[in-house]
C-alpha cells in the first residue's frame, strides 16, 4: 500500500471517528422513546413540504451539470443530465468526499453518452465552483440580512458581520466581471482558468444560491415544527453546517451537520428535526438514487449486449 493510500485511509478513519464522537455527544441526552416521539411530532404536511424543497434543490443541482455541459459546447438531453446528476449526488452526499464520489458516478454515465474523461473532469470542477459561489453568496446575504445570529456565532458586532457579508458578495461580482471582461482563459502565474460565458457565470451564481436556499427551506420546515425560527436563521445554520461538512468530508456530514445546527439554533434544533431533515434530504434521495442506479445499469447492460449480438450477426453475414 502506498503512502498516499495510507494517508487517505487514515483521513477517512479519522472522519468516521469524528462522526461517531459527534453523534454520541448529540444522542446521549435522549432516550429512544424521546427520539421516536420527537420525530412523530412533526406534522405530515410539514414533512411533505420539506420533500418538495428537497426535490427543488436536486433539480437545481441538475442545472449545475446542464450549465457545465453547455459551457463545454456540448449538448445532451436534459433527462440524461437529470438522471446522471441525481444518481451521482444522492449517492455522493451520503458517501462523503462528494466531488470524488459523485465524479465517479458522473463519469460512468457521461462517458457512455460521448463525453471524454477531460470533459467530465471539467464538469466536476464547474459544479464545485458553482457550489462555492452559491454558498458564499447566500452566506453573505444571511450576514447582511440577519447579522445577529452570525454575530453571536462569530462573537463580533453586527456592523462587522455586515462588513464581512458585503466582502463575501464581492466574490460572485468579481467572478461574473471576469467572465464578462476576460471572455476566455484567465492566466495567473503558472495557472490558467477557462472562464464560462458571462450569461453562464451569472446563472452559476443564481442557481447556486437558489439551490442552497431550497436546502435551507427544507431545514427550516423541520426546525419550525419545534419553534418559531426565522428563515434566515435557518440559512445561517445551514451555511455553517455545510461549511463544516465541506471542511471535514465526513460521509454524509454525519454528526457534523447535527452538531453545527445544534450550535447555531440550540433551542429549535430538536433531535426530531435533525433526523427528519437527514431523512428528507439524504436518506430518501439515497434510496431513490440507488434504485435508479440499479435500473439504469440493467438497461445499459441489456443495450450493450443487444448491440454486441447485432454486431456479431452483422460480422457473420458479411463473412457469408
C-alpha atoms as a PDB file:
ATOM      1  CA  UNK A   1       0.000   0.000   0.000  1.00  0.00           C
ATOM      2  CA  UNK A   2       1.375   3.424  -0.993  1.00  0.00           C
ATOM      3  CA  UNK A   3       1.809   6.331   1.418  1.00  0.00           C
ATOM      4  CA  UNK A   4      -0.927   8.202  -0.456  1.00  0.00           C
ATOM      5  CA  UNK A   5      -3.394   5.363   0.166  1.00  0.00           C
ATOM      6  CA  UNK A   6      -2.376   5.172   3.824  1.00  0.00           C
ATOM      7  CA  UNK A   7      -2.932   8.925   4.269  1.00  0.00           C
ATOM      8  CA  UNK A   8      -6.346   8.870   2.537  1.00  0.00           C
ATOM      9  CA  UNK A   9      -7.466   5.822   4.537  1.00  0.00           C
ATOM     10  CA  UNK A  10      -6.233   7.477   7.722  1.00  0.00           C
ATOM     11  CA  UNK A  11      -8.204  10.631   6.955  1.00  0.00           C
ATOM     12  CA  UNK A  12     -11.320   8.562   6.281  1.00  0.00           C
ATOM     13  CA  UNK A  13     -10.955   6.689   9.580  1.00  0.00           C
ATOM     14  CA  UNK A  14     -10.406   9.987  11.410  1.00  0.00           C
ATOM     15  CA  UNK A  15     -13.531  11.453   9.776  1.00  0.00           C
ATOM     16  CA  UNK A  16     -15.601   8.419  10.784  1.00  0.00           C
ATOM     17  CA  UNK A  17     -14.287   8.627  14.356  1.00  0.00           C
ATOM     18  CA  UNK A  18     -15.227  12.319  14.443  1.00  0.00           C
ATOM     19  CA  UNK A  19     -18.718  11.476  13.174  1.00  0.00           C
ATOM     20  CA  UNK A  20     -19.140   8.753  15.821  1.00  0.00           C
ATOM     21  CA  UNK A  21     -17.994  11.127  18.585  1.00  0.00           C
ATOM     22  CA  UNK A  22     -20.327  13.932  17.477  1.00  0.00           C
ATOM     23  CA  UNK A  23     -23.289  11.581  17.168  1.00  0.00           C
ATOM     24  CA  UNK A  24     -22.582  10.201  20.645  1.00  0.00           C
ATOM     25  CA  UNK A  25     -22.479  13.729  22.088  1.00  0.00           C
ATOM     26  CA  UNK A  26     -25.802  14.555  20.429  1.00  0.00           C
ATOM     27  CA  UNK A  27     -27.735  11.348  21.127  1.00  0.00           C
ATOM     28  CA  UNK A  28     -26.515  10.595  24.654  1.00  0.00           C
ATOM     29  CA  UNK A  29     -29.001  13.062  26.156  1.00  0.00           C
ATOM     30  CA  UNK A  30     -32.022  11.363  24.556  1.00  0.00           C
ATOM     31  CA  UNK A  31     -33.721   8.035  25.104  1.00  0.00           C
ATOM     32  CA  UNK A  32     -35.019   6.004  22.155  1.00  0.00           C
ATOM     33  CA  UNK A  33     -38.617   6.818  23.128  1.00  0.00           C
ATOM     34  CA  UNK A  34     -37.825  10.546  23.190  1.00  0.00           C
ATOM     35  CA  UNK A  35     -36.254  10.367  19.725  1.00  0.00           C
ATOM     36  CA  UNK A  36     -39.228   8.477  18.259  1.00  0.00           C
ATOM     37  CA  UNK A  37     -41.717  10.862  19.874  1.00  0.00           C
ATOM     38  CA  UNK A  38     -39.766  13.872  18.611  1.00  0.00           C
ATOM     39  CA  UNK A  39     -39.860  12.622  15.017  1.00  0.00           C
ATOM     40  CA  UNK A  40     -43.554  11.730  15.253  1.00  0.00           C
ATOM     41  CA  UNK A  41     -44.419  15.233  16.458  1.00  0.00           C
ATOM     42  CA  UNK A  42     -43.537  16.684  13.034  1.00  0.00           C
ATOM     43  CA  UNK A  43     -46.780  17.198  11.034  1.00  0.00           C
ATOM     44  CA  UNK A  44     -47.034  15.094   7.882  1.00  0.00           C
ATOM     45  CA  UNK A  45     -47.796  18.196   5.799  1.00  0.00           C
ATOM     46  CA  UNK A  46     -44.601  19.824   7.080  1.00  0.00           C
ATOM     47  CA  UNK A  47     -42.540  16.787   6.106  1.00  0.00           C
ATOM     48  CA  UNK A  48     -44.128  16.718   2.626  1.00  0.00           C
ATOM     49  CA  UNK A  49     -43.357  20.416   2.133  1.00  0.00           C
ATOM     50  CA  UNK A  50     -39.751  19.716   3.114  1.00  0.00           C
ATOM     51  CA  UNK A  51     -39.654  16.949   0.492  1.00  0.00           C
ATOM     52  CA  UNK A  52     -40.816  19.442  -2.148  1.00  0.00           C
ATOM     53  CA  UNK A  53     -37.925  21.735  -1.220  1.00  0.00           C
ATOM     54  CA  UNK A  54     -35.594  18.728  -1.451  1.00  0.00           C
ATOM     55  CA  UNK A  55     -36.874  17.944  -4.955  1.00  0.00           C
ATOM     56  CA  UNK A  56     -36.415  21.592  -5.958  1.00  0.00           C
ATOM     57  CA  UNK A  57     -32.835  21.501  -4.671  1.00  0.00           C
ATOM     58  CA  UNK A  58     -31.962  18.385  -6.672  1.00  0.00           C
ATOM     59  CA  UNK A  59     -33.479  19.994  -9.780  1.00  0.00           C
ATOM     60  CA  UNK A  60     -31.197  22.995  -9.207  1.00  0.00           C
ATOM     61  CA  UNK A  61     -28.241  20.636  -8.821  1.00  0.00           C
ATOM     62  CA  UNK A  62     -29.063  19.087 -12.193  1.00  0.00           C
ATOM     63  CA  UNK A  63     -28.883  22.596 -13.649  1.00  0.00           C
ATOM     64  CA  UNK A  64     -25.274  22.759 -12.385  1.00  0.00           C
ATOM     65  CA  UNK A  65     -24.475  19.890 -14.756  1.00  0.00           C
ATOM     66  CA  UNK A  66     -26.596  21.390 -17.534  1.00  0.00           C
ATOM     67  CA  UNK A  67     -24.700  24.688 -17.369  1.00  0.00           C
ATOM     68  CA  UNK A  68     -21.373  22.851 -17.185  1.00  0.00           C
ATOM     69  CA  UNK A  69     -22.099  20.821 -20.310  1.00  0.00           C
ATOM     70  CA  UNK A  70     -23.284  23.914 -22.182  1.00  0.00           C
ATOM     71  CA  UNK A  71     -20.110  25.759 -21.182  1.00  0.00           C
ATOM     72  CA  UNK A  72     -18.173  22.933 -22.870  1.00  0.00           C
ATOM     73  CA  UNK A  73     -20.129  23.465 -26.076  1.00  0.00           C
ATOM     74  CA  UNK A  74     -21.728  20.028 -25.726  1.00  0.00           C
ATOM     75  CA  UNK A  75     -25.372  19.008 -25.810  1.00  0.00           C
ATOM     76  CA  UNK A  76     -27.201  16.193 -24.017  1.00  0.00           C
ATOM     77  CA  UNK A  77     -30.923  15.598 -23.408  1.00  0.00           C
ATOM     78  CA  UNK A  78     -31.955  17.104 -20.065  1.00  0.00           C
ATOM     79  CA  UNK A  79     -33.447  13.789 -18.902  1.00  0.00           C
ATOM     80  CA  UNK A  80     -29.989  12.214 -19.233  1.00  0.00           C
ATOM     81  CA  UNK A  81     -28.374  15.041 -17.285  1.00  0.00           C
ATOM     82  CA  UNK A  82     -31.061  14.834 -14.595  1.00  0.00           C
ATOM     83  CA  UNK A  83     -30.507  11.084 -14.192  1.00  0.00           C
ATOM     84  CA  UNK A  84     -26.708  11.387 -14.002  1.00  0.00           C
ATOM     85  CA  UNK A  85     -26.832  14.346 -11.621  1.00  0.00           C
ATOM     86  CA  UNK A  86     -29.431  12.883  -9.252  1.00  0.00           C
ATOM     87  CA  UNK A  87     -27.818   9.448  -9.002  1.00  0.00           C
ATOM     88  CA  UNK A  88     -24.334  10.935  -8.596  1.00  0.00           C
ATOM     89  CA  UNK A  89     -25.256  13.481  -5.943  1.00  0.00           C
ATOM     90  CA  UNK A  90     -27.803  11.440  -3.990  1.00  0.00           C
ATOM     91  CA  UNK A  91     -25.079   8.831  -3.504  1.00  0.00           C
ATOM     92  CA  UNK A  92     -22.200  11.306  -3.239  1.00  0.00           C
ATOM     93  CA  UNK A  93     -23.881  13.313  -0.472  1.00  0.00           C
ATOM     94  CA  UNK A  94     -24.045  10.168   1.665  1.00  0.00           C
ATOM     95  CA  UNK A  95     -20.696   8.594   0.773  1.00  0.00           C
ATOM     96  CA  UNK A  96     -18.613  11.682   1.531  1.00  0.00           C
ATOM     97  CA  UNK A  97     -15.839  13.366  -0.481  1.00  0.00           C
ATOM     98  CA  UNK A  98     -18.736  14.382  -2.743  1.00  0.00           C
ATOM     99  CA  UNK A  99     -16.545  15.780  -5.514  1.00  0.00           C
ATOM    100  CA  UNK A 100     -14.707  12.482  -5.952  1.00  0.00           C
ATOM    101  CA  UNK A 101     -17.535  10.044  -5.229  1.00  0.00           C
ATOM    102  CA  UNK A 102     -20.141  11.847  -7.342  1.00  0.00           C
ATOM    103  CA  UNK A 103     -17.496  12.336 -10.029  1.00  0.00           C
ATOM    104  CA  UNK A 104     -17.039   8.588 -10.378  1.00  0.00           C
ATOM    105  CA  UNK A 105     -20.770   8.117 -10.984  1.00  0.00           C
ATOM    106  CA  UNK A 106     -20.872  11.100 -13.353  1.00  0.00           C
ATOM    107  CA  UNK A 107     -18.083   9.572 -15.422  1.00  0.00           C
ATOM    108  CA  UNK A 108     -19.942   6.254 -15.601  1.00  0.00           C
ATOM    109  CA  UNK A 109     -22.955   7.975 -17.152  1.00  0.00           C
ATOM    110  CA  UNK A 110     -21.443  10.763 -19.214  1.00  0.00           C
ATOM    111  CA  UNK A 111     -18.725   8.593 -20.776  1.00  0.00           C
ATOM    112  CA  UNK A 112     -21.493   6.409 -22.211  1.00  0.00           C
ATOM    113  CA  UNK A 113     -23.070   9.478 -23.770  1.00  0.00           C
ATOM    114  CA  UNK A 114     -19.966  10.720 -25.570  1.00  0.00           C
ATOM    115  CA  UNK A 115     -18.116  12.882 -23.042  1.00  0.00           C
ATOM    116  CA  UNK A 116     -14.399  12.314 -22.522  1.00  0.00           C
ATOM    117  CA  UNK A 117     -12.648  11.964 -19.166  1.00  0.00           C
ATOM    118  CA  UNK A 118     -11.388  15.541 -19.571  1.00  0.00           C
ATOM    119  CA  UNK A 119     -14.942  16.771 -20.216  1.00  0.00           C
ATOM    120  CA  UNK A 120     -16.225  15.038 -17.072  1.00  0.00           C
ATOM    121  CA  UNK A 121     -13.367  16.497 -15.016  1.00  0.00           C
ATOM    122  CA  UNK A 122     -14.356  19.971 -16.254  1.00  0.00           C
ATOM    123  CA  UNK A 123     -17.999  19.292 -15.336  1.00  0.00           C
ATOM    124  CA  UNK A 124     -16.948  18.297 -11.808  1.00  0.00           C
ATOM    125  CA  UNK A 125     -14.785  21.424 -11.428  1.00  0.00           C
ATOM    126  CA  UNK A 126     -17.551  23.660 -12.818  1.00  0.00           C
ATOM    127  CA  UNK A 127     -20.077  22.206 -10.356  1.00  0.00           C
ATOM    128  CA  UNK A 128     -17.618  22.658  -7.481  1.00  0.00           C
ATOM    129  CA  UNK A 129     -17.179  26.327  -8.389  1.00  0.00           C
ATOM    130  CA  UNK A 130     -20.967  26.732  -8.560  1.00  0.00           C
ATOM    131  CA  UNK A 131     -21.314  25.219  -5.080  1.00  0.00           C
ATOM    132  CA  UNK A 132     -18.730  27.667  -3.742  1.00  0.00           C
ATOM    133  CA  UNK A 133     -20.362  30.660  -5.430  1.00  0.00           C
ATOM    134  CA  UNK A 134     -23.805  29.714  -4.137  1.00  0.00           C
ATOM    135  CA  UNK A 135     -22.627  29.119  -0.580  1.00  0.00           C
ATOM    136  CA  UNK A 136     -20.612  32.355  -0.449  1.00  0.00           C
ATOM    137  CA  UNK A 137     -23.461  34.406  -1.937  1.00  0.00           C
ATOM    138  CA  UNK A 138     -26.117  33.011   0.399  1.00  0.00           C
ATOM    139  CA  UNK A 139     -23.785  33.309   3.380  1.00  0.00           C
ATOM    140  CA  UNK A 140     -23.109  36.945   2.501  1.00  0.00           C
ATOM    141  CA  UNK A 141     -26.824  37.685   2.178  1.00  0.00           C
ATOM    142  CA  UNK A 142     -27.525  35.980   5.522  1.00  0.00           C
ATOM    143  CA  UNK A 143     -24.861  38.091   7.258  1.00  0.00           C
ATOM    144  CA  UNK A 144     -26.313  41.302   5.836  1.00  0.00           C
ATOM    145  CA  UNK A 145     -29.996  40.484   6.420  1.00  0.00           C
ATOM    146  CA  UNK A 146     -29.623  38.643   9.741  1.00  0.00           C
ATOM    147  CA  UNK A 147     -26.340  39.785  11.333  1.00  0.00           C
ATOM    148  CA  UNK A 148     -27.335  38.995  14.922  1.00  0.00           C
ATOM    149  CA  UNK A 149     -27.073  35.199  14.612  1.00  0.00           C
ATOM    150  CA  UNK A 150     -23.784  35.280  12.725  1.00  0.00           C
ATOM    151  CA  UNK A 151     -22.500  37.858  15.219  1.00  0.00           C
ATOM    152  CA  UNK A 152     -23.386  35.573  18.126  1.00  0.00           C
ATOM    153  CA  UNK A 153     -21.621  32.632  16.489  1.00  0.00           C
ATOM    154  CA  UNK A 154     -18.543  34.632  15.457  1.00  0.00           C
ATOM    155  CA  UNK A 155     -18.611  36.783  18.622  1.00  0.00           C
ATOM    156  CA  UNK A 156     -18.403  40.071  16.752  1.00  0.00           C
ATOM    157  CA  UNK A 157     -20.775  43.044  16.466  1.00  0.00           C
ATOM    158  CA  UNK A 158     -23.478  43.368  13.813  1.00  0.00           C
ATOM    159  CA  UNK A 159     -21.642  46.094  11.888  1.00  0.00           C
ATOM    160  CA  UNK A 160     -18.619  43.820  11.455  1.00  0.00           C
ATOM    161  CA  UNK A 161     -20.871  40.964  10.366  1.00  0.00           C
ATOM    162  CA  UNK A 162     -22.463  43.144   7.683  1.00  0.00           C
ATOM    163  CA  UNK A 163     -18.992  44.210   6.538  1.00  0.00           C
ATOM    164  CA  UNK A 164     -17.946  40.552   6.171  1.00  0.00           C
ATOM    165  CA  UNK A 165     -21.201  39.851   4.331  1.00  0.00           C
ATOM    166  CA  UNK A 166     -20.514  42.679   1.887  1.00  0.00           C
ATOM    167  CA  UNK A 167     -16.989  41.357   1.299  1.00  0.00           C
ATOM    168  CA  UNK A 168     -18.420  37.892   0.624  1.00  0.00           C
ATOM    169  CA  UNK A 169     -20.750  39.294  -2.032  1.00  0.00           C
ATOM    170  CA  UNK A 170     -17.769  40.805  -3.842  1.00  0.00           C
ATOM    171  CA  UNK A 171     -16.658  37.265  -4.790  1.00  0.00           C
ATOM    172  CA  UNK A 172     -19.568  36.456  -7.166  1.00  0.00           C
ATOM    173  CA  UNK A 173     -19.440  40.004  -8.564  1.00  0.00           C
ATOM    174  CA  UNK A 174     -15.726  39.636  -9.369  1.00  0.00           C
ATOM    175  CA  UNK A 175     -16.329  36.188 -10.886  1.00  0.00           C
ATOM    176  CA  UNK A 176     -19.079  37.487 -13.164  1.00  0.00           C
ATOM    177  CA  UNK A 177     -16.970  40.545 -14.008  1.00  0.00           C
ATOM    178  CA  UNK A 178     -14.016  38.389 -15.041  1.00  0.00           C
ATOM    179  CA  UNK A 179     -16.302  36.284 -17.230  1.00  0.00           C
ATOM    180  CA  UNK A 180     -17.590  39.471 -18.892  1.00  0.00           C
ATOM    181  CA  UNK A 181     -14.278  41.263 -19.454  1.00  0.00           C
ATOM    182  CA  UNK A 182     -11.785  38.403 -19.909  1.00  0.00           C
ATOM    183  CA  UNK A 183     -14.013  36.163 -22.056  1.00  0.00           C
ATOM    184  CA  UNK A 184     -11.808  33.126 -22.278  1.00  0.00           C
ATOM    185  CA  UNK A 185      -8.779  31.882 -20.423  1.00  0.00           C
ATOM    186  CA  UNK A 186      -7.678  33.688 -17.270  1.00  0.00           C
ATOM    187  CA  UNK A 187      -3.945  33.285 -16.622  1.00  0.00           C
ATOM    188  CA  UNK A 188      -2.470  33.743 -13.151  1.00  0.00           C
ATOM    189  CA  UNK A 189       1.231  32.998 -12.948  1.00  0.00           C
ATOM    190  CA  UNK A 190       1.587  29.303 -13.876  1.00  0.00           C
ATOM    191  CA  UNK A 191      -2.129  28.549 -13.721  1.00  0.00           C
ATOM    192  CA  UNK A 192      -4.798  29.090 -16.337  1.00  0.00           C
ATOM    193  CA  UNK A 193      -8.569  29.002 -15.847  1.00  0.00           C
ATOM    194  CA  UNK A 194     -11.176  28.677 -18.585  1.00  0.00           C
ATOM    195  CA  UNK A 195     -13.948  31.120 -17.713  1.00  0.00           C
ATOM    196  CA  UNK A 196     -17.509  30.429 -18.894  1.00  0.00           C
ATOM    197  CA  UNK A 197     -19.518  32.923 -20.951  1.00  0.00           C
ATOM    198  CA  UNK A 198     -20.935  35.822 -18.916  1.00  0.00           C
ATOM    199  CA  UNK A 199     -24.523  34.540 -19.089  1.00  0.00           C
ATOM    200  CA  UNK A 200     -23.487  31.139 -17.742  1.00  0.00           C
ATOM    201  CA  UNK A 201     -21.388  32.748 -14.977  1.00  0.00           C
ATOM    202  CA  UNK A 202     -24.401  34.789 -13.835  1.00  0.00           C
ATOM    203  CA  UNK A 203     -26.566  31.656 -14.000  1.00  0.00           C
ATOM    204  CA  UNK A 204     -23.994  29.829 -11.842  1.00  0.00           C
ATOM    205  CA  UNK A 205     -24.315  32.440  -9.111  1.00  0.00           C
ATOM    206  CA  UNK A 206     -28.109  32.473  -9.331  1.00  0.00           C
ATOM    207  CA  UNK A 207     -28.727  28.716  -9.469  1.00  0.00           C
ATOM    208  CA  UNK A 208     -26.066  28.028  -6.825  1.00  0.00           C
ATOM    209  CA  UNK A 209     -27.679  30.485  -4.420  1.00  0.00           C
ATOM    210  CA  UNK A 210     -31.225  29.278  -5.104  1.00  0.00           C
ATOM    211  CA  UNK A 211     -30.167  25.668  -4.534  1.00  0.00           C
ATOM    212  CA  UNK A 212     -28.880  26.418  -1.040  1.00  0.00           C
ATOM    213  CA  UNK A 213     -31.988  28.485  -0.310  1.00  0.00           C
ATOM    214  CA  UNK A 214     -34.101  25.407  -1.080  1.00  0.00           C
ATOM    215  CA  UNK A 215     -31.964  23.230   1.218  1.00  0.00           C
ATOM    216  CA  UNK A 216     -32.239  25.876   3.944  1.00  0.00           C
ATOM    217  CA  UNK A 217     -36.008  25.941   3.398  1.00  0.00           C
ATOM    218  CA  UNK A 218     -36.110  22.157   3.890  1.00  0.00           C
ATOM    219  CA  UNK A 219     -34.229  22.549   7.179  1.00  0.00           C
ATOM    220  CA  UNK A 220     -36.449  25.498   8.145  1.00  0.00           C
ATOM    221  CA  UNK A 221     -39.575  23.363   7.744  1.00  0.00           C
ATOM    222  CA  UNK A 222     -38.224  20.811  10.219  1.00  0.00           C
ATOM    223  CA  UNK A 223     -36.988  23.400  12.727  1.00  0.00           C
ATOM    224  CA  UNK A 224     -40.237  25.390  12.585  1.00  0.00           C
ATOM    225  CA  UNK A 225     -42.132  22.316  13.804  1.00  0.00           C
ATOM    226  CA  UNK A 226     -40.446  22.835  17.189  1.00  0.00           C
ATOM    227  CA  UNK A 227     -40.329  26.614  17.483  1.00  0.00           C
ATOM    228  CA  UNK A 228     -40.746  29.965  15.783  1.00  0.00           C
ATOM    229  CA  UNK A 229     -37.494  30.216  13.832  1.00  0.00           C
ATOM    230  CA  UNK A 230     -36.858  32.878  11.193  1.00  0.00           C
ATOM    231  CA  UNK A 231     -35.970  31.657   7.707  1.00  0.00           C
ATOM    232  CA  UNK A 232     -32.602  33.423   7.581  1.00  0.00           C
ATOM    233  CA  UNK A 233     -31.736  31.931  10.951  1.00  0.00           C
ATOM    234  CA  UNK A 234     -32.137  28.538   9.286  1.00  0.00           C
ATOM    235  CA  UNK A 235     -29.991  29.831   6.421  1.00  0.00           C
ATOM    236  CA  UNK A 236     -27.230  30.806   8.859  1.00  0.00           C
ATOM    237  CA  UNK A 237     -27.422  27.378  10.493  1.00  0.00           C
ATOM    238  CA  UNK A 238     -27.239  25.548   7.175  1.00  0.00           C
ATOM    239  CA  UNK A 239     -24.379  27.643   5.760  1.00  0.00           C
ATOM    240  CA  UNK A 240     -22.408  26.941   8.947  1.00  0.00           C
ATOM    241  CA  UNK A 241     -23.257  23.222   8.793  1.00  0.00           C
ATOM    242  CA  UNK A 242     -22.429  22.861   5.103  1.00  0.00           C
ATOM    243  CA  UNK A 243     -19.142  24.723   5.506  1.00  0.00           C
ATOM    244  CA  UNK A 244     -18.211  22.311   8.311  1.00  0.00           C
ATOM    245  CA  UNK A 245     -19.186  19.325   6.139  1.00  0.00           C
ATOM    246  CA  UNK A 246     -17.052  20.567   3.235  1.00  0.00           C
ATOM    247  CA  UNK A 247     -14.120  21.100   5.605  1.00  0.00           C
ATOM    248  CA  UNK A 248     -14.302  17.654   7.246  1.00  0.00           C
ATOM    249  CA  UNK A 249     -15.561  15.490   4.331  1.00  0.00           C
ATOM    250  CA  UNK A 250     -17.310  13.239   6.855  1.00  0.00           C
ATOM    251  CA  UNK A 251     -19.529  10.776   4.901  1.00  0.00           C
ATOM    252  CA  UNK A 252     -22.941  12.394   4.607  1.00  0.00           C
ATOM    253  CA  UNK A 253     -21.839  15.077   7.072  1.00  0.00           C
ATOM    254  CA  UNK A 254     -22.860  12.527   9.700  1.00  0.00           C
ATOM    255  CA  UNK A 255     -22.700  14.128  13.122  1.00  0.00           C
ATOM    256  CA  UNK A 256     -21.124  17.311  11.750  1.00  0.00           C
ATOM    257  CA  UNK A 257     -24.414  18.640  10.369  1.00  0.00           C
ATOM    258  CA  UNK A 258     -26.283  17.826  13.568  1.00  0.00           C
ATOM    259  CA  UNK A 259     -23.608  19.395  15.776  1.00  0.00           C
ATOM    260  CA  UNK A 260     -23.362  22.559  13.658  1.00  0.00           C
ATOM    261  CA  UNK A 261     -27.133  23.127  13.520  1.00  0.00           C
ATOM    262  CA  UNK A 262     -27.469  22.416  17.251  1.00  0.00           C
ATOM    263  CA  UNK A 263     -24.778  25.023  17.900  1.00  0.00           C
ATOM    264  CA  UNK A 264     -26.379  27.616  15.611  1.00  0.00           C
ATOM    265  CA  UNK A 265     -30.008  27.180  16.753  1.00  0.00           C
ATOM    266  CA  UNK A 266     -29.815  25.324  20.093  1.00  0.00           C
ATOM    267  CA  UNK A 267     -33.468  25.864  21.093  1.00  0.00           C
ATOM    268  CA  UNK A 268     -35.136  24.817  17.834  1.00  0.00           C
ATOM    269  CA  UNK A 269     -32.682  22.044  16.854  1.00  0.00           C
ATOM    270  CA  UNK A 270     -34.747  19.193  18.274  1.00  0.00           C
ATOM    271  CA  UNK A 271     -33.347  15.747  17.611  1.00  0.00           C
ATOM    272  CA  UNK A 272     -36.556  15.005  15.698  1.00  0.00           C
ATOM    273  CA  UNK A 273     -35.994  17.977  13.375  1.00  0.00           C
ATOM    274  CA  UNK A 274     -32.412  16.904  12.661  1.00  0.00           C
ATOM    275  CA  UNK A 275     -33.343  13.274  11.967  1.00  0.00           C
ATOM    276  CA  UNK A 276     -36.291  14.313   9.782  1.00  0.00           C
ATOM    277  CA  UNK A 277     -34.069  16.684   7.774  1.00  0.00           C
ATOM    278  CA  UNK A 278     -31.491  13.945   7.249  1.00  0.00           C
ATOM    279  CA  UNK A 279     -34.221  11.561   6.086  1.00  0.00           C
ATOM    280  CA  UNK A 280     -35.739  14.124   3.714  1.00  0.00           C
ATOM    281  CA  UNK A 281     -32.534  15.420   2.139  1.00  0.00           C
ATOM    282  CA  UNK A 282     -30.147  12.475   2.451  1.00  0.00           C
ATOM    283  CA  UNK A 283     -31.764   9.089   3.054  1.00  0.00           C
ATOM    284  CA  UNK A 284     -34.848   9.242   0.800  1.00  0.00           C
ATOM    285  CA  UNK A 285     -32.831  10.571  -2.195  1.00  0.00           C
ATOM    286  CA  UNK A 286     -30.215   7.885  -1.435  1.00  0.00           C
ATOM    287  CA  UNK A 287     -32.849   5.149  -1.700  1.00  0.00           C
ATOM    288  CA  UNK A 288     -34.225   6.607  -4.947  1.00  0.00           C
ATOM    289  CA  UNK A 289     -30.751   7.177  -6.382  1.00  0.00           C
ATOM    290  CA  UNK A 290     -29.639   3.626  -5.603  1.00  0.00           C
ATOM    291  CA  UNK A 291     -32.788   2.241  -7.225  1.00  0.00           C
ATOM    292  CA  UNK A 292     -32.267   4.360 -10.352  1.00  0.00           C
ATOM    293  CA  UNK A 293     -28.606   3.320 -10.487  1.00  0.00           C
ATOM    294  CA  UNK A 294     -29.521  -0.378 -10.464  1.00  0.00           C
ATOM    295  CA  UNK A 295     -32.285   0.067 -13.057  1.00  0.00           C
ATOM    296  CA  UNK A 296     -30.098   2.160 -15.368  1.00  0.00           C
ATOM    297  CA  UNK A 297     -27.216  -0.327 -15.100  1.00  0.00           C
ATOM    298  CA  UNK A 298     -29.550  -3.170 -16.085  1.00  0.00           C
ATOM    299  CA  UNK A 299     -30.822  -1.156 -19.067  1.00  0.00           C
ATOM    300  CA  UNK A 300     -27.291  -0.164 -20.140  1.00  0.00           C
ATOM    301  CA  UNK A 301     -26.080  -3.768 -19.991  1.00  0.00           C
ATOM    302  CA  UNK A 302     -29.067  -5.061 -21.960  1.00  0.00           C
ATOM    303  CA  UNK A 303     -28.482  -2.454 -24.664  1.00  0.00           C
ATOM    304  CA  UNK A 304     -24.768  -3.262 -24.728  1.00  0.00           C
ATOM    305  CA  UNK A 305     -25.479  -6.990 -25.006  1.00  0.00           C
ATOM    306  CA  UNK A 306     -28.005  -6.370 -27.782  1.00  0.00           C
ATOM    307  CA  UNK A 307     -25.531  -4.166 -29.664  1.00  0.00           C
ATOM    308  CA  UNK A 308     -22.829  -6.847 -29.353  1.00  0.00           C
ATOM    309  CA  UNK A 309     -25.224  -9.508 -30.654  1.00  0.00           C
ATOM    310  CA  UNK A 310     -26.211  -7.329 -33.617  1.00  0.00           C
ATOM    311  CA  UNK A 311     -22.534  -6.656 -34.360  1.00  0.00           C
ATOM    312  CA  UNK A 312     -21.778 -10.392 -34.255  1.00  0.00           C
ATOM    313  CA  UNK A 313     -24.719 -11.124 -36.559  1.00  0.00           C
ATOM    314  CA  UNK A 314     -23.517  -8.435 -38.968  1.00  0.00           C
ATOM    315  CA  UNK A 315     -19.995  -9.867 -38.964  1.00  0.00           C
ATOM    316  CA  UNK A 316     -21.339 -13.368 -39.653  1.00  0.00           C
ATOM    317  CA  UNK A 317     -23.498 -12.075 -42.517  1.00  0.00           C
ATOM    318  CA  UNK A 318     -20.505 -10.340 -44.104  1.00  0.00           C
ATOM    319  CA  UNK A 319     -18.369 -13.474 -43.805  1.00  0.00           C
ATOM    320  CA  UNK A 320     -21.042 -15.482 -45.637  1.00  0.00           C
END
